[in-house]
Amino acid sequence: METVEVSKKPVSRLAMYRNKILIGLATVGAAAAPVAAETDINASVAPILEDVIALIPTIISLIIAAVPAIIVLAVVGFIVAFLDQILTMLRINR
Protein backbone atom coordinates (compact mmCIF):
# COMPACT_ATOMS: atom_id res chain seq x y z
CA MET A 1 0.00 0.00 0.00
CA GLU A 2 1.34 3.43 -0.96
CA THR A 3 1.51 6.35 1.43
CA VAL A 4 0.87 9.87 0.30
CA GLU A 5 2.81 12.75 1.82
CA VAL A 6 0.72 15.84 2.52
CA SER A 7 2.25 19.22 1.79
CA LYS A 8 2.22 21.79 4.59
CA LYS A 9 2.26 24.82 2.31
CA PRO A 10 -0.23 27.58 3.18
CA VAL A 11 -3.39 27.48 1.08
CA SER A 12 -4.87 30.66 -0.31
CA ARG A 13 -8.42 31.63 0.56
CA LEU A 14 -9.47 31.23 -3.08
CA ALA A 15 -8.17 27.65 -3.14
CA MET A 16 -10.10 26.86 0.03
CA TYR A 17 -13.40 28.02 -1.43
CA ARG A 18 -12.78 26.86 -5.02
CA ASN A 19 -15.41 24.09 -4.92
CA LYS A 20 -18.05 26.38 -3.43
CA ILE A 21 -17.33 29.01 -6.09
CA LEU A 22 -17.56 26.45 -8.89
CA ILE A 23 -20.85 25.06 -7.56
CA GLY A 24 -22.27 28.57 -7.26
CA LEU A 25 -21.25 29.46 -10.80
CA ALA A 26 -22.69 26.22 -12.14
CA THR A 27 -25.98 26.87 -10.35
CA VAL A 28 -26.23 30.40 -11.72
CA GLY A 29 -25.35 29.19 -15.21
CA ALA A 30 -27.97 26.45 -15.08
CA ALA A 31 -30.63 28.86 -13.84
CA ALA A 32 -29.79 31.55 -16.39
CA ALA A 33 -29.75 29.27 -19.44
CA PRO A 34 -33.55 28.90 -19.83
CA VAL A 35 -34.10 32.62 -19.22
CA ALA A 36 -31.48 33.53 -21.80
CA ALA A 37 -33.21 31.37 -24.41
CA GLU A 38 -36.54 33.11 -23.87
CA THR A 39 -35.42 36.75 -23.90
CA ASP A 40 -33.89 39.01 -26.52
CA ILE A 41 -30.32 39.87 -25.57
CA ASN A 42 -30.50 43.33 -27.16
CA ALA A 43 -33.57 44.28 -25.14
CA SER A 44 -31.97 43.28 -21.85
CA VAL A 45 -28.39 44.49 -22.33
CA ALA A 46 -28.94 47.70 -24.32
CA PRO A 47 -30.45 49.74 -21.44
CA ILE A 48 -27.61 48.73 -19.14
CA LEU A 49 -24.99 49.75 -21.71
CA GLU A 50 -26.77 53.07 -22.36
CA ASP A 51 -26.75 53.85 -18.63
CA VAL A 52 -23.05 52.99 -18.33
CA ILE A 53 -22.24 55.14 -21.37
CA ALA A 54 -24.22 58.01 -19.84
CA LEU A 55 -22.10 57.78 -16.66
CA ILE A 56 -18.72 57.93 -18.40
CA PRO A 57 -18.64 61.75 -18.97
CA THR A 58 -19.57 62.31 -15.31
CA ILE A 59 -16.78 60.02 -14.13
CA ILE A 60 -14.27 61.75 -16.42
CA SER A 61 -15.37 65.15 -15.09
CA LEU A 62 -14.87 63.93 -11.53
CA ILE A 63 -11.36 62.71 -12.34
CA ILE A 64 -10.47 65.96 -14.11
CA ALA A 65 -11.72 67.96 -11.11
CA ALA A 66 -9.78 65.84 -8.59
CA VAL A 67 -6.40 65.67 -10.35
CA PRO A 68 -5.31 69.31 -9.71
CA ALA A 69 -6.08 68.98 -6.00
CA ILE A 70 -4.09 65.75 -5.81
CA ILE A 71 -1.13 67.37 -7.57
CA VAL A 72 -1.20 70.39 -5.22
CA LEU A 73 -1.32 68.12 -2.16
CA ALA A 74 1.60 66.07 -3.49
CA VAL A 75 3.73 69.19 -4.08
CA VAL A 76 2.90 70.61 -0.64
CA GLY A 77 3.66 67.26 0.97
CA PHE A 78 7.01 67.10 -0.81
CA ILE A 79 7.97 70.62 0.28
CA VAL A 80 6.96 69.99 3.89
CA ALA A 81 8.90 66.70 4.01
CA PHE A 82 11.93 68.36 2.39
CA LEU A 83 11.95 71.21 4.93
CA ASP A 84 11.43 68.71 7.75
CA GLN A 85 14.54 66.80 6.68
CA ILE A 86 16.58 70.02 6.52
CA LEU A 87 15.44 71.05 10.01
CA THR A 88 16.17 67.55 11.33
CA MET A 89 19.74 67.76 10.02
CA LEU A 90 20.21 71.20 11.61
CA ARG A 91 19.10 70.04 15.05
CA ILE A 92 21.80 70.73 17.64
CA ASN A 93 22.60 67.99 20.17
CA ARG A 94 22.44 69.23 23.78
C-alpha atoms as a PDB file:
ATOM      1  CA  MET A   1       0.000   0.000   0.000  1.00  0.00           C
ATOM      2  CA  GLU A   2       1.342   3.434  -0.960  1.00  0.00           C
ATOM      3  CA  THR A   3       1.506   6.349   1.432  1.00  0.00           C
ATOM      4  CA  VAL A   4       0.875   9.873   0.303  1.00  0.00           C
ATOM      5  CA  GLU A   5       2.813  12.749   1.825  1.00  0.00           C
ATOM      6  CA  VAL A   6       0.723  15.839   2.520  1.00  0.00           C
ATOM      7  CA  SER A   7       2.253  19.224   1.786  1.00  0.00           C
ATOM      8  CA  LYS A   8       2.221  21.788   4.586  1.00  0.00           C
ATOM      9  CA  LYS A   9       2.263  24.822   2.310  1.00  0.00           C
ATOM     10  CA  PRO A  10      -0.226  27.576   3.177  1.00  0.00           C
ATOM     11  CA  VAL A  11      -3.387  27.484   1.080  1.00  0.00           C
ATOM     12  CA  SER A  12      -4.874  30.662  -0.311  1.00  0.00           C
ATOM     13  CA  ARG A  13      -8.417  31.634   0.562  1.00  0.00           C
ATOM     14  CA  LEU A  14      -9.470  31.225  -3.078  1.00  0.00           C
ATOM     15  CA  ALA A  15      -8.172  27.654  -3.138  1.00  0.00           C
ATOM     16  CA  MET A  16     -10.099  26.864   0.034  1.00  0.00           C
ATOM     17  CA  TYR A  17     -13.399  28.023  -1.434  1.00  0.00           C
ATOM     18  CA  ARG A  18     -12.781  26.859  -5.024  1.00  0.00           C
ATOM     19  CA  ASN A  19     -15.411  24.087  -4.918  1.00  0.00           C
ATOM     20  CA  LYS A  20     -18.049  26.384  -3.434  1.00  0.00           C
ATOM     21  CA  ILE A  21     -17.334  29.006  -6.085  1.00  0.00           C
ATOM     22  CA  LEU A  22     -17.558  26.449  -8.889  1.00  0.00           C
ATOM     23  CA  ILE A  23     -20.846  25.055  -7.557  1.00  0.00           C
ATOM     24  CA  GLY A  24     -22.271  28.569  -7.263  1.00  0.00           C
ATOM     25  CA  LEU A  25     -21.247  29.464 -10.803  1.00  0.00           C
ATOM     26  CA  ALA A  26     -22.694  26.221 -12.145  1.00  0.00           C
ATOM     27  CA  THR A  27     -25.982  26.871 -10.349  1.00  0.00           C
ATOM     28  CA  VAL A  28     -26.225  30.404 -11.719  1.00  0.00           C
ATOM     29  CA  GLY A  29     -25.347  29.192 -15.210  1.00  0.00           C
ATOM     30  CA  ALA A  30     -27.966  26.447 -15.082  1.00  0.00           C
ATOM     31  CA  ALA A  31     -30.626  28.859 -13.836  1.00  0.00           C
ATOM     32  CA  ALA A  32     -29.788  31.546 -16.393  1.00  0.00           C
ATOM     33  CA  ALA A  33     -29.748  29.266 -19.443  1.00  0.00           C
ATOM     34  CA  PRO A  34     -33.555  28.898 -19.828  1.00  0.00           C
ATOM     35  CA  VAL A  35     -34.097  32.615 -19.218  1.00  0.00           C
ATOM     36  CA  ALA A  36     -31.479  33.532 -21.805  1.00  0.00           C
ATOM     37  CA  ALA A  37     -33.206  31.375 -24.409  1.00  0.00           C
ATOM     38  CA  GLU A  38     -36.545  33.106 -23.869  1.00  0.00           C
ATOM     39  CA  THR A  39     -35.416  36.754 -23.903  1.00  0.00           C
ATOM     40  CA  ASP A  40     -33.891  39.007 -26.524  1.00  0.00           C
ATOM     41  CA  ILE A  41     -30.315  39.873 -25.570  1.00  0.00           C
ATOM     42  CA  ASN A  42     -30.497  43.331 -27.158  1.00  0.00           C
ATOM     43  CA  ALA A  43     -33.567  44.284 -25.139  1.00  0.00           C
ATOM     44  CA  SER A  44     -31.972  43.280 -21.850  1.00  0.00           C
ATOM     45  CA  VAL A  45     -28.394  44.491 -22.333  1.00  0.00           C
ATOM     46  CA  ALA A  46     -28.940  47.700 -24.324  1.00  0.00           C
ATOM     47  CA  PRO A  47     -30.452  49.743 -21.444  1.00  0.00           C
ATOM     48  CA  ILE A  48     -27.606  48.731 -19.143  1.00  0.00           C
ATOM     49  CA  LEU A  49     -24.991  49.751 -21.714  1.00  0.00           C
ATOM     50  CA  GLU A  50     -26.766  53.068 -22.358  1.00  0.00           C
ATOM     51  CA  ASP A  51     -26.747  53.849 -18.629  1.00  0.00           C
ATOM     52  CA  VAL A  52     -23.049  52.994 -18.335  1.00  0.00           C
ATOM     53  CA  ILE A  53     -22.235  55.136 -21.365  1.00  0.00           C
ATOM     54  CA  ALA A  54     -24.223  58.014 -19.841  1.00  0.00           C
ATOM     55  CA  LEU A  55     -22.096  57.776 -16.657  1.00  0.00           C
ATOM     56  CA  ILE A  56     -18.716  57.928 -18.404  1.00  0.00           C
ATOM     57  CA  PRO A  57     -18.641  61.749 -18.966  1.00  0.00           C
ATOM     58  CA  THR A  58     -19.567  62.312 -15.314  1.00  0.00           C
ATOM     59  CA  ILE A  59     -16.776  60.022 -14.130  1.00  0.00           C
ATOM     60  CA  ILE A  60     -14.268  61.748 -16.416  1.00  0.00           C
ATOM     61  CA  SER A  61     -15.367  65.151 -15.093  1.00  0.00           C
ATOM     62  CA  LEU A  62     -14.873  63.930 -11.535  1.00  0.00           C
ATOM     63  CA  ILE A  63     -11.357  62.711 -12.345  1.00  0.00           C
ATOM     64  CA  ILE A  64     -10.465  65.964 -14.113  1.00  0.00           C
ATOM     65  CA  ALA A  65     -11.719  67.958 -11.108  1.00  0.00           C
ATOM     66  CA  ALA A  66      -9.784  65.845  -8.587  1.00  0.00           C
ATOM     67  CA  VAL A  67      -6.398  65.672 -10.349  1.00  0.00           C
ATOM     68  CA  PRO A  68      -5.306  69.306  -9.709  1.00  0.00           C
ATOM     69  CA  ALA A  69      -6.081  68.980  -5.999  1.00  0.00           C
ATOM     70  CA  ILE A  70      -4.086  65.752  -5.806  1.00  0.00           C
ATOM     71  CA  ILE A  71      -1.126  67.369  -7.569  1.00  0.00           C
ATOM     72  CA  VAL A  72      -1.201  70.388  -5.224  1.00  0.00           C
ATOM     73  CA  LEU A  73      -1.321  68.119  -2.164  1.00  0.00           C
ATOM     74  CA  ALA A  74       1.600  66.070  -3.493  1.00  0.00           C
ATOM     75  CA  VAL A  75       3.734  69.187  -4.077  1.00  0.00           C
ATOM     76  CA  VAL A  76       2.899  70.613  -0.645  1.00  0.00           C
ATOM     77  CA  GLY A  77       3.659  67.262   0.975  1.00  0.00           C
ATOM     78  CA  PHE A  78       7.012  67.098  -0.811  1.00  0.00           C
ATOM     79  CA  ILE A  79       7.971  70.623   0.276  1.00  0.00           C
ATOM     80  CA  VAL A  80       6.961  69.995   3.893  1.00  0.00           C
ATOM     81  CA  ALA A  81       8.897  66.699   4.007  1.00  0.00           C
ATOM     82  CA  PHE A  82      11.933  68.362   2.391  1.00  0.00           C
ATOM     83  CA  LEU A  83      11.953  71.210   4.927  1.00  0.00           C
ATOM     84  CA  ASP A  84      11.430  68.711   7.754  1.00  0.00           C
ATOM     85  CA  GLN A  85      14.541  66.796   6.677  1.00  0.00           C
ATOM     86  CA  ILE A  86      16.575  70.019   6.517  1.00  0.00           C
ATOM     87  CA  LEU A  87      15.444  71.049  10.013  1.00  0.00           C
ATOM     88  CA  THR A  88      16.167  67.546  11.335  1.00  0.00           C
ATOM     89  CA  MET A  89      19.738  67.757  10.015  1.00  0.00           C
ATOM     90  CA  LEU A  90      20.213  71.202  11.612  1.00  0.00           C
ATOM     91  CA  ARG A  91      19.099  70.036  15.054  1.00  0.00           C
ATOM     92  CA  ILE A  92      21.803  70.726  17.640  1.00  0.00           C
ATOM     93  CA  ASN A  93      22.600  67.990  20.170  1.00  0.00           C
ATOM     94  CA  ARG A  94      22.443  69.225  23.783  1.00  0.00           C
END
